[in-house]
Amino acid sequence: MCIRDRANNVSPEMMAFVCLLKSIDGRKYDDMSESGIKETSEDLAKFLSKNFVSRTLETIKKNFDNEKLVYFPDRVDTSDAIEYLVLSKKRLLIECDILLGEKLEDELAKIDDKIFSMYEPRVFGGSKGLESDYKKNYEDACLSILQNTNLKPKELTVFEFWNAIDFTKSQIKRHGKSNKR
């Protein structure tokens, strides 16, 4: 999909931008289908420059990261995680360029070496895989929030969800201490 989109000049940044829209010209925007996002991206690309979209996304990311740092400091990404994401993005763009005919195999190999040296490999699929663990942990967190608050966890914003998790942890810690007395 990335190669086809890049060849057709569909900007991944514009598509990410579209996913963050609440409304367009006062009308609620909620078409999150692949075709709806692409169509809206193409329409907005006629009016918004790539530079504007990149700057806006960067501002949103910085604001989000700053809020995370203030309200949830123990959830801030480590420098290793950020470096991994930067390298992954570079790798993907190089792969796209290779498929479009550029000779960048040596550069791709160097990035692969850096990425592979950063982390121990983990199994993604299967009953004990990473995907399964994430899903189970998310459901466990939702159940904890539900048991300790009157909130519907799957309807919360990211900020509300993290805040509910922190509140739930403090409730459990407080009840644990009172049960020991």
N, C-alpha and C. Protein backbone atom coordinates (compact mmCIF):
# COMPACT_ATOMS: atom_id res chain seq x y z
N MET A 1 0.82 -1.19 0.00
CA MET A 1 0.00 0.00 0.00
C MET A 1 0.86 1.25 0.00
N CYS A 2 1.93 1.28 0.78
CA CYS A 2 2.80 2.46 0.87
C CYS A 2 3.37 2.82 -0.49
N ILE A 3 3.83 1.81 -1.24
CA ILE A 3 4.46 2.06 -2.53
C ILE A 3 3.43 2.59 -3.51
N ARG A 4 2.25 1.98 -3.54
CA ARG A 4 1.19 2.44 -4.43
C ARG A 4 0.79 3.87 -4.08
N ASP A 5 0.64 4.15 -2.80
CA ASP A 5 0.25 5.49 -2.38
C ASP A 5 1.33 6.51 -2.73
N ARG A 6 2.59 6.14 -2.50
CA ARG A 6 3.67 7.07 -2.79
C ARG A 6 3.76 7.33 -4.29
N ALA A 7 3.57 6.29 -5.10
CA ALA A 7 3.60 6.45 -6.55
C ALA A 7 2.43 7.31 -7.02
N ASN A 8 1.31 7.24 -6.34
CA ASN A 8 0.12 8.04 -6.69
C ASN A 8 0.11 9.39 -5.99
N ASN A 9 1.21 9.74 -5.31
CA ASN A 9 1.34 11.02 -4.59
C ASN A 9 0.30 11.19 -3.48
N VAL A 10 -0.14 10.10 -2.87
CA VAL A 10 -1.00 10.18 -1.70
C VAL A 10 -0.08 10.28 -0.49
N SER A 11 -0.20 11.36 0.24
CA SER A 11 0.70 11.63 1.34
C SER A 11 0.25 10.92 2.62
N PRO A 12 1.11 10.08 3.22
CA PRO A 12 0.76 9.46 4.50
C PRO A 12 0.51 10.52 5.58
N GLU A 13 1.28 11.63 5.51
CA GLU A 13 1.07 12.71 6.48
C GLU A 13 -0.33 13.30 6.35
N MET A 14 -0.78 13.50 5.10
CA MET A 14 -2.11 14.06 4.88
C MET A 14 -3.17 13.09 5.39
N MET A 15 -2.94 11.79 5.17
CA MET A 15 -3.91 10.80 5.65
C MET A 15 -3.96 10.79 7.18
N ALA A 16 -2.81 10.93 7.84
CA ALA A 16 -2.77 11.01 9.30
C ALA A 16 -3.48 12.27 9.77
N PHE A 17 -3.27 13.36 9.06
CA PHE A 17 -3.92 14.63 9.36
C PHE A 17 -5.44 14.48 9.28
N VAL A 18 -5.91 13.84 8.23
CA VAL A 18 -7.36 13.63 8.04
C VAL A 18 -7.94 12.83 9.21
N CYS A 19 -7.20 11.85 9.71
CA CYS A 19 -7.69 11.02 10.83
C CYS A 19 -7.87 11.83 12.10
N LEU A 20 -7.22 12.98 12.20
CA LEU A 20 -7.32 13.81 13.40
C LEU A 20 -8.41 14.87 13.30
N LEU A 21 -9.05 14.99 12.14
CA LEU A 21 -10.05 16.03 11.95
C LEU A 21 -11.33 15.73 12.72
N LYS A 22 -11.88 16.77 13.32
CA LYS A 22 -13.17 16.65 13.99
C LYS A 22 -14.28 17.09 13.05
N SER A 23 -14.03 18.18 12.31
CA SER A 23 -15.02 18.68 11.37
C SER A 23 -14.33 19.38 10.21
N ILE A 24 -15.05 19.48 9.11
CA ILE A 24 -14.57 20.20 7.93
C ILE A 24 -15.68 21.16 7.54
N ASP A 25 -15.37 22.45 7.50
CA ASP A 25 -16.36 23.49 7.20
C ASP A 25 -17.60 23.38 8.09
N GLY A 26 -17.37 23.07 9.37
CA GLY A 26 -18.46 23.00 10.33
C GLY A 26 -19.24 21.69 10.32
N ARG A 27 -18.95 20.80 9.39
CA ARG A 27 -19.64 19.50 9.34
C ARG A 27 -18.76 18.46 10.01
N LYS A 28 -19.37 17.66 10.90
CA LYS A 28 -18.64 16.62 11.61
C LYS A 28 -18.02 15.66 10.60
N TYR A 29 -16.73 15.36 10.80
CA TYR A 29 -16.04 14.41 9.93
C TYR A 29 -15.78 13.14 10.71
N ASP A 30 -16.35 12.02 10.24
CA ASP A 30 -16.14 10.76 10.93
C ASP A 30 -16.00 9.56 9.99
N ASP A 31 -15.70 9.84 8.72
CA ASP A 31 -15.51 8.75 7.75
C ASP A 31 -14.09 8.23 7.87
N MET A 32 -13.89 7.18 8.66
CA MET A 32 -12.55 6.63 8.87
C MET A 32 -12.28 5.41 8.00
N SER A 33 -13.07 5.25 6.94
CA SER A 33 -12.80 4.15 6.00
C SER A 33 -11.58 4.53 5.18
N GLU A 34 -10.89 3.53 4.65
CA GLU A 34 -9.69 3.79 3.86
C GLU A 34 -10.02 4.69 2.67
N SER A 35 -11.13 4.39 2.00
CA SER A 35 -11.49 5.20 0.83
C SER A 35 -11.89 6.62 1.24
N GLY A 36 -12.58 6.76 2.38
CA GLY A 36 -12.97 8.09 2.85
C GLY A 36 -11.76 8.94 3.22
N ILE A 37 -10.80 8.32 3.87
CA ILE A 37 -9.58 9.05 4.26
C ILE A 37 -8.80 9.47 3.02
N LYS A 38 -8.66 8.56 2.05
CA LYS A 38 -7.92 8.90 0.82
C LYS A 38 -8.63 10.00 0.05
N GLU A 39 -9.93 9.89 -0.08
CA GLU A 39 -10.70 10.90 -0.83
C GLU A 39 -10.57 12.27 -0.17
N THR A 40 -10.72 12.32 1.14
CA THR A 40 -10.59 13.59 1.86
C THR A 40 -9.17 14.11 1.77
N SER A 41 -8.18 13.22 1.83
CA SER A 41 -6.77 13.62 1.70
C SER A 41 -6.52 14.29 0.35
N GLU A 42 -7.04 13.66 -0.70
CA GLU A 42 -6.86 14.22 -2.04
C GLU A 42 -7.55 15.58 -2.16
N ASP A 43 -8.73 15.72 -1.59
CA ASP A 43 -9.44 17.01 -1.63
C ASP A 43 -8.68 18.08 -0.87
N LEU A 44 -8.21 17.75 0.33
CA LEU A 44 -7.50 18.74 1.14
C LEU A 44 -6.14 19.10 0.54
N ALA A 45 -5.52 18.16 -0.16
CA ALA A 45 -4.21 18.41 -0.77
C ALA A 45 -4.29 19.54 -1.81
N LYS A 46 -5.47 19.79 -2.32
CA LYS A 46 -5.66 20.89 -3.28
C LYS A 46 -5.54 22.24 -2.59
N PHE A 47 -5.82 22.29 -1.28
CA PHE A 47 -5.87 23.55 -0.55
C PHE A 47 -4.77 23.71 0.50
N LEU A 48 -4.27 22.60 1.01
CA LEU A 48 -3.28 22.64 2.07
C LEU A 48 -1.93 22.14 1.55
N SER A 49 -0.88 22.88 1.83
CA SER A 49 0.44 22.44 1.39
C SER A 49 0.94 21.30 2.27
N LYS A 50 1.84 20.51 1.71
CA LYS A 50 2.46 19.42 2.47
C LYS A 50 3.20 19.98 3.68
N ASN A 51 3.83 21.13 3.49
CA ASN A 51 4.57 21.79 4.56
C ASN A 51 3.64 22.18 5.70
N PHE A 52 2.46 22.73 5.38
CA PHE A 52 1.49 23.11 6.40
C PHE A 52 1.05 21.89 7.20
N VAL A 53 0.74 20.81 6.50
CA VAL A 53 0.28 19.58 7.16
C VAL A 53 1.38 19.02 8.06
N SER A 54 2.61 18.99 7.56
CA SER A 54 3.73 18.47 8.37
C SER A 54 3.93 19.31 9.62
N ARG A 55 3.90 20.64 9.47
CA ARG A 55 4.07 21.52 10.63
C ARG A 55 2.94 21.34 11.63
N THR A 56 1.71 21.21 11.13
CA THR A 56 0.56 21.02 12.01
C THR A 56 0.66 19.71 12.78
N LEU A 57 1.02 18.63 12.08
CA LEU A 57 1.17 17.33 12.74
C LEU A 57 2.29 17.38 13.77
N GLU A 58 3.38 18.05 13.44
CA GLU A 58 4.50 18.17 14.38
C GLU A 58 4.06 18.94 15.63
N THR A 59 3.27 19.99 15.44
CA THR A 59 2.77 20.77 16.58
C THR A 59 1.85 19.92 17.45
N ILE A 60 0.97 19.17 16.82
CA ILE A 60 0.06 18.29 17.57
C ILE A 60 0.87 17.27 18.37
N LYS A 61 1.88 16.66 17.73
CA LYS A 61 2.70 15.67 18.41
C LYS A 61 3.44 16.29 19.59
N LYS A 62 4.01 17.49 19.39
CA LYS A 62 4.72 18.15 20.49
C LYS A 62 3.77 18.46 21.64
N ASN A 63 2.58 18.96 21.32
CA ASN A 63 1.60 19.25 22.38
C ASN A 63 1.19 17.98 23.12
N PHE A 64 0.98 16.91 22.37
CA PHE A 64 0.61 15.64 22.99
C PHE A 64 1.73 15.14 23.88
N ASP A 65 2.97 15.20 23.37
CA ASP A 65 4.12 14.75 24.15
C ASP A 65 4.29 15.60 25.40
N ASN A 66 4.09 16.92 25.28
CA ASN A 66 4.20 17.80 26.45
C ASN A 66 3.14 17.47 27.49
N GLU A 67 1.91 17.22 27.05
CA GLU A 67 0.86 16.84 28.00
C GLU A 67 1.18 15.52 28.66
N LYS A 68 1.68 14.58 27.88
CA LYS A 68 2.08 13.29 28.45
C LYS A 68 3.15 13.49 29.51
N LEU A 69 4.12 14.34 29.22
CA LEU A 69 5.21 14.58 30.14
C LEU A 69 4.70 15.21 31.44
N VAL A 70 3.75 16.12 31.34
CA VAL A 70 3.21 16.81 32.52
C VAL A 70 2.31 15.88 33.33
N TYR A 71 1.38 15.22 32.66
CA TYR A 71 0.36 14.45 33.38
C TYR A 71 0.72 12.98 33.60
N PHE A 72 1.53 12.42 32.73
CA PHE A 72 1.87 11.00 32.82
C PHE A 72 3.36 10.80 32.56
N PRO A 73 4.23 11.33 33.43
CA PRO A 73 5.67 11.29 33.16
C PRO A 73 6.24 9.87 33.04
N ASP A 74 5.64 8.91 33.73
CA ASP A 74 6.18 7.55 33.63
C ASP A 74 5.73 6.83 32.37
N ARG A 75 4.94 7.49 31.54
CA ARG A 75 4.50 6.91 30.27
C ARG A 75 5.21 7.54 29.07
N VAL A 76 6.16 8.40 29.31
CA VAL A 76 6.88 9.07 28.23
C VAL A 76 7.83 8.08 27.58
N ASP A 77 7.85 8.11 26.24
CA ASP A 77 8.72 7.20 25.50
C ASP A 77 10.18 7.45 25.83
N THR A 78 10.93 6.38 25.88
CA THR A 78 12.36 6.50 26.13
C THR A 78 13.06 6.94 24.84
N SER A 79 14.27 7.40 24.96
CA SER A 79 15.01 7.81 23.77
C SER A 79 15.24 6.62 22.83
N ASP A 80 15.37 5.41 23.38
CA ASP A 80 15.52 4.22 22.54
C ASP A 80 14.27 3.98 21.69
N ALA A 81 13.10 4.15 22.29
CA ALA A 81 11.86 3.95 21.54
C ALA A 81 11.73 4.98 20.44
N ILE A 82 12.08 6.22 20.74
CA ILE A 82 11.99 7.28 19.73
C ILE A 82 12.99 7.00 18.61
N GLU A 83 14.20 6.60 18.96
CA GLU A 83 15.20 6.29 17.93
C GLU A 83 14.73 5.14 17.05
N TYR A 84 14.12 4.13 17.66
CA TYR A 84 13.60 2.99 16.89
C TYR A 84 12.55 3.46 15.89
N LEU A 85 11.64 4.33 16.32
CA LEU A 85 10.59 4.81 15.42
C LEU A 85 11.17 5.65 14.29
N VAL A 86 12.15 6.47 14.59
CA VAL A 86 12.80 7.28 13.55
C VAL A 86 13.48 6.38 12.53
N LEU A 87 14.22 5.39 13.02
CA LEU A 87 14.89 4.46 12.12
C LEU A 87 13.89 3.66 11.28
N SER A 88 12.78 3.26 11.89
CA SER A 88 11.76 2.51 11.17
C SER A 88 11.17 3.34 10.04
N LYS A 89 10.93 4.61 10.31
CA LYS A 89 10.40 5.49 9.26
C LYS A 89 11.41 5.63 8.12
N LYS A 90 12.68 5.86 8.46
CA LYS A 90 13.72 5.98 7.43
C LYS A 90 13.78 4.70 6.60
N ARG A 91 13.69 3.56 7.29
CA ARG A 91 13.77 2.28 6.59
C ARG A 91 12.62 2.12 5.60
N LEU A 92 11.43 2.45 6.02
CA LEU A 92 10.26 2.33 5.16
C LEU A 92 10.38 3.23 3.93
N LEU A 93 10.82 4.45 4.13
CA LEU A 93 10.98 5.37 3.00
C LEU A 93 12.06 4.88 2.03
N ILE A 94 13.14 4.32 2.57
CA ILE A 94 14.19 3.77 1.71
C ILE A 94 13.66 2.58 0.92
N GLU A 95 12.88 1.71 1.57
CA GLU A 95 12.28 0.57 0.85
C GLU A 95 11.40 1.05 -0.30
N CYS A 96 10.62 2.09 -0.04
CA CYS A 96 9.76 2.65 -1.10
C CYS A 96 10.62 3.17 -2.25
N ASP A 97 11.68 3.88 -1.93
CA ASP A 97 12.57 4.42 -2.96
C ASP A 97 13.24 3.30 -3.75
N ILE A 98 13.61 2.21 -3.08
CA ILE A 98 14.21 1.06 -3.77
C ILE A 98 13.22 0.47 -4.75
N LEU A 99 11.98 0.33 -4.32
CA LEU A 99 10.96 -0.24 -5.20
C LEU A 99 10.64 0.69 -6.37
N LEU A 100 10.93 1.98 -6.19
CA LEU A 100 10.73 2.93 -7.28
C LEU A 100 11.97 3.04 -8.17
N GLY A 101 13.01 2.22 -7.88
CA GLY A 101 14.16 2.13 -8.77
C GLY A 101 15.47 2.68 -8.25
N GLU A 102 15.50 3.29 -7.09
CA GLU A 102 16.76 3.84 -6.58
C GLU A 102 17.63 2.72 -6.00
N LYS A 103 18.94 2.93 -6.01
CA LYS A 103 19.91 1.95 -5.52
C LYS A 103 20.34 2.35 -4.11
N LEU A 104 19.61 1.88 -3.10
CA LEU A 104 19.89 2.26 -1.71
C LEU A 104 20.01 1.05 -0.79
N GLU A 105 20.36 -0.11 -1.36
CA GLU A 105 20.42 -1.33 -0.57
C GLU A 105 21.43 -1.25 0.57
N ASP A 106 22.59 -0.59 0.33
CA ASP A 106 23.61 -0.48 1.38
C ASP A 106 23.09 0.36 2.55
N GLU A 107 22.39 1.44 2.23
CA GLU A 107 21.83 2.30 3.28
C GLU A 107 20.76 1.54 4.08
N LEU A 108 19.97 0.73 3.38
CA LEU A 108 18.94 -0.08 4.05
C LEU A 108 19.60 -1.10 4.99
N ALA A 109 20.68 -1.70 4.56
CA ALA A 109 21.38 -2.69 5.39
C ALA A 109 21.94 -2.05 6.66
N LYS A 110 22.45 -0.82 6.54
CA LYS A 110 22.98 -0.12 7.72
C LYS A 110 21.87 0.17 8.73
N ILE A 111 20.72 0.60 8.24
CA ILE A 111 19.60 0.87 9.15
C ILE A 111 19.11 -0.43 9.79
N ASP A 112 19.04 -1.50 9.00
CA ASP A 112 18.64 -2.80 9.54
C ASP A 112 19.57 -3.23 10.67
N ASP A 113 20.87 -3.06 10.46
CA ASP A 113 21.84 -3.43 11.50
C ASP A 113 21.59 -2.64 12.78
N LYS A 114 21.33 -1.34 12.66
CA LYS A 114 21.07 -0.52 13.85
C LYS A 114 19.80 -0.99 14.56
N ILE A 115 18.74 -1.22 13.79
CA ILE A 115 17.46 -1.63 14.38
C ILE A 115 17.60 -2.99 15.07
N PHE A 116 18.23 -3.96 14.38
CA PHE A 116 18.33 -5.31 14.94
C PHE A 116 19.21 -5.37 16.17
N SER A 117 20.13 -4.42 16.30
CA SER A 117 21.00 -4.42 17.47
C SER A 117 20.34 -3.77 18.69
N MET A 118 19.21 -3.11 18.50
CA MET A 118 18.58 -2.36 19.58
C MET A 118 17.77 -3.24 20.54
N TYR A 119 17.08 -4.25 20.02
CA TYR A 119 16.13 -5.01 20.83
C TYR A 119 16.26 -6.51 20.60
N GLU A 120 15.87 -7.24 21.61
CA GLU A 120 15.73 -8.68 21.47
C GLU A 120 14.45 -8.94 20.68
N PRO A 121 14.48 -9.89 19.74
CA PRO A 121 13.25 -10.17 18.98
C PRO A 121 12.18 -10.81 19.87
N ARG A 122 10.93 -10.47 19.60
CA ARG A 122 9.81 -11.07 20.34
C ARG A 122 8.85 -11.71 19.36
N VAL A 123 8.16 -12.71 19.81
CA VAL A 123 7.17 -13.38 18.98
C VAL A 123 5.92 -12.50 18.95
N PHE A 124 5.41 -12.24 17.76
CA PHE A 124 4.26 -11.37 17.63
C PHE A 124 2.94 -12.14 17.75
N GLY A 125 2.81 -13.21 17.01
CA GLY A 125 1.55 -13.96 16.99
C GLY A 125 1.50 -15.08 18.01
N GLY A 126 0.40 -15.78 18.02
CA GLY A 126 0.25 -16.92 18.91
C GLY A 126 -0.32 -16.54 20.26
N SER A 127 -0.63 -17.56 21.05
CA SER A 127 -1.30 -17.32 22.33
C SER A 127 -0.41 -16.61 23.34
N LYS A 128 0.90 -16.72 23.22
CA LYS A 128 1.80 -16.04 24.15
C LYS A 128 2.57 -14.91 23.45
N GLY A 129 2.08 -14.51 22.28
CA GLY A 129 2.75 -13.48 21.50
C GLY A 129 2.42 -12.07 21.99
N LEU A 130 3.13 -11.13 21.43
CA LEU A 130 3.01 -9.73 21.79
C LEU A 130 1.60 -9.19 21.54
N GLU A 131 1.03 -9.53 20.40
CA GLU A 131 -0.32 -9.05 20.07
C GLU A 131 -1.34 -9.52 21.11
N SER A 132 -1.27 -10.80 21.44
CA SER A 132 -2.17 -11.37 22.43
C SER A 132 -1.99 -10.70 23.79
N ASP A 133 -0.73 -10.48 24.18
CA ASP A 133 -0.45 -9.82 25.46
C ASP A 133 -1.05 -8.42 25.51
N TYR A 134 -0.86 -7.64 24.42
CA TYR A 134 -1.40 -6.28 24.39
C TYR A 134 -2.92 -6.28 24.52
N LYS A 135 -3.56 -7.18 23.79
CA LYS A 135 -5.03 -7.24 23.85
C LYS A 135 -5.52 -7.62 25.24
N LYS A 136 -4.87 -8.62 25.85
CA LYS A 136 -5.25 -9.04 27.19
C LYS A 136 -5.01 -7.93 28.21
N ASN A 137 -3.86 -7.27 28.11
CA ASN A 137 -3.55 -6.17 29.04
C ASN A 137 -4.54 -5.02 28.89
N TYR A 138 -4.94 -4.72 27.66
CA TYR A 138 -5.91 -3.66 27.43
C TYR A 138 -7.25 -4.03 28.07
N GLU A 139 -7.69 -5.26 27.85
CA GLU A 139 -8.96 -5.70 28.43
C GLU A 139 -8.89 -5.73 29.95
N ASP A 140 -7.76 -6.15 30.51
CA ASP A 140 -7.58 -6.13 31.96
C ASP A 140 -7.67 -4.70 32.49
N ALA A 141 -7.02 -3.77 31.79
CA ALA A 141 -7.07 -2.37 32.20
C ALA A 141 -8.50 -1.84 32.14
N CYS A 142 -9.24 -2.21 31.10
CA CYS A 142 -10.64 -1.78 30.99
C CYS A 142 -11.47 -2.32 32.15
N LEU A 143 -11.25 -3.58 32.50
CA LEU A 143 -11.99 -4.17 33.62
C LEU A 143 -11.65 -3.47 34.94
N SER A 144 -10.38 -3.16 35.13
CA SER A 144 -9.97 -2.45 36.36
C SER A 144 -10.63 -1.08 36.45
N ILE A 145 -10.63 -0.37 35.34
CA ILE A 145 -11.26 0.96 35.32
C ILE A 145 -12.74 0.82 35.63
N LEU A 146 -13.38 -0.15 35.00
CA LEU A 146 -14.81 -0.37 35.20
C LEU A 146 -15.12 -0.71 36.66
N GLN A 147 -14.28 -1.53 37.30
CA GLN A 147 -14.50 -1.93 38.69
C GLN A 147 -14.29 -0.79 39.67
N ASN A 148 -13.39 0.13 39.34
CA ASN A 148 -13.01 1.17 40.29
C ASN A 148 -13.59 2.55 39.99
N THR A 149 -14.30 2.68 38.88
CA THR A 149 -14.90 3.98 38.52
C THR A 149 -16.26 3.72 37.89
N ASN A 150 -16.96 4.79 37.58
CA ASN A 150 -18.23 4.67 36.86
C ASN A 150 -18.04 4.98 35.38
N LEU A 151 -16.82 4.87 34.90
CA LEU A 151 -16.50 5.23 33.52
C LEU A 151 -16.61 4.03 32.59
N LYS A 152 -16.90 4.32 31.31
CA LYS A 152 -16.90 3.30 30.27
C LYS A 152 -15.55 3.41 29.56
N PRO A 153 -14.59 2.53 29.88
CA PRO A 153 -13.22 2.70 29.41
C PRO A 153 -13.05 2.76 27.89
N LYS A 154 -13.87 2.05 27.16
CA LYS A 154 -13.71 2.02 25.70
C LYS A 154 -14.24 3.27 25.03
N GLU A 155 -14.86 4.16 25.81
CA GLU A 155 -15.37 5.42 25.27
C GLU A 155 -14.51 6.61 25.70
N LEU A 156 -13.42 6.36 26.42
CA LEU A 156 -12.58 7.43 26.94
C LEU A 156 -11.56 7.91 25.91
N THR A 157 -11.16 9.16 26.04
CA THR A 157 -10.04 9.65 25.24
C THR A 157 -8.77 9.04 25.81
N VAL A 158 -7.67 9.20 25.11
CA VAL A 158 -6.40 8.67 25.59
C VAL A 158 -6.07 9.29 26.95
N PHE A 159 -6.22 10.61 27.06
CA PHE A 159 -5.94 11.30 28.32
C PHE A 159 -6.81 10.76 29.45
N GLU A 160 -8.11 10.64 29.19
CA GLU A 160 -9.04 10.13 30.21
C GLU A 160 -8.70 8.69 30.59
N PHE A 161 -8.33 7.88 29.60
CA PHE A 161 -8.00 6.48 29.86
C PHE A 161 -6.78 6.39 30.76
N TRP A 162 -5.70 7.11 30.41
CA TRP A 162 -4.49 7.07 31.24
C TRP A 162 -4.76 7.60 32.64
N ASN A 163 -5.54 8.65 32.72
CA ASN A 163 -5.88 9.21 34.03
C ASN A 163 -6.68 8.18 34.84
N ALA A 164 -7.60 7.49 34.20
CA ALA A 164 -8.38 6.46 34.88
C ALA A 164 -7.48 5.32 35.34
N ILE A 165 -6.49 4.95 34.54
CA ILE A 165 -5.54 3.90 34.93
C ILE A 165 -4.77 4.34 36.18
N ASP A 166 -4.27 5.59 36.16
CA ASP A 166 -3.53 6.09 37.32
C ASP A 166 -4.42 6.16 38.56
N PHE A 167 -5.65 6.59 38.38
CA PHE A 167 -6.60 6.65 39.50
C PHE A 167 -6.85 5.24 40.04
N THR A 168 -7.07 4.29 39.13
CA THR A 168 -7.33 2.91 39.53
C THR A 168 -6.14 2.34 40.30
N LYS A 169 -4.92 2.62 39.82
CA LYS A 169 -3.72 2.15 40.54
C LYS A 169 -3.68 2.72 41.95
N SER A 170 -3.99 4.02 42.08
CA SER A 170 -3.95 4.63 43.41
C SER A 170 -5.03 4.04 44.31
N GLN A 171 -6.20 3.74 43.75
CA GLN A 171 -7.28 3.11 44.51
C GLN A 171 -6.86 1.72 45.01
N ILE A 172 -6.27 0.96 44.13
CA ILE A 172 -5.84 -0.39 44.49
C ILE A 172 -4.75 -0.32 45.55
N LYS A 173 -3.80 0.60 45.37
CA LYS A 173 -2.73 0.77 46.35
C LYS A 173 -3.30 1.18 47.71
N ARG A 174 -4.25 2.12 47.70
CA ARG A 174 -4.85 2.59 48.94
C ARG A 174 -5.64 1.47 49.63
N HIS A 175 -6.42 0.72 48.86
CA HIS A 175 -7.18 -0.39 49.44
C HIS A 175 -6.27 -1.49 49.94
N GLY A 176 -5.16 -1.70 49.25
CA GLY A 176 -4.18 -2.70 49.67
C GLY A 176 -3.58 -2.34 51.02
N LYS A 177 -3.28 -1.06 51.20
CA LYS A 177 -2.71 -0.60 52.47
C LYS A 177 -3.74 -0.68 53.59
N SER A 178 -5.00 -0.35 53.29
CA SER A 178 -6.02 -0.39 54.35
C SER A 178 -6.37 -1.82 54.73
N ASN A 179 -6.22 -2.76 53.78
CA ASN A 179 -6.48 -4.17 54.10
C ASN A 179 -5.40 -4.78 54.98
N LYS A 180 -4.17 -4.21 54.94
CA LYS A 180 -3.07 -4.73 55.72
C LYS A 180 -3.19 -4.31 57.19
N ARG A 181 -3.93 -3.27 57.46
CA ARG A 181 -4.03 -2.76 58.86
C ARG A 181 -4.87 -3.63 59.71
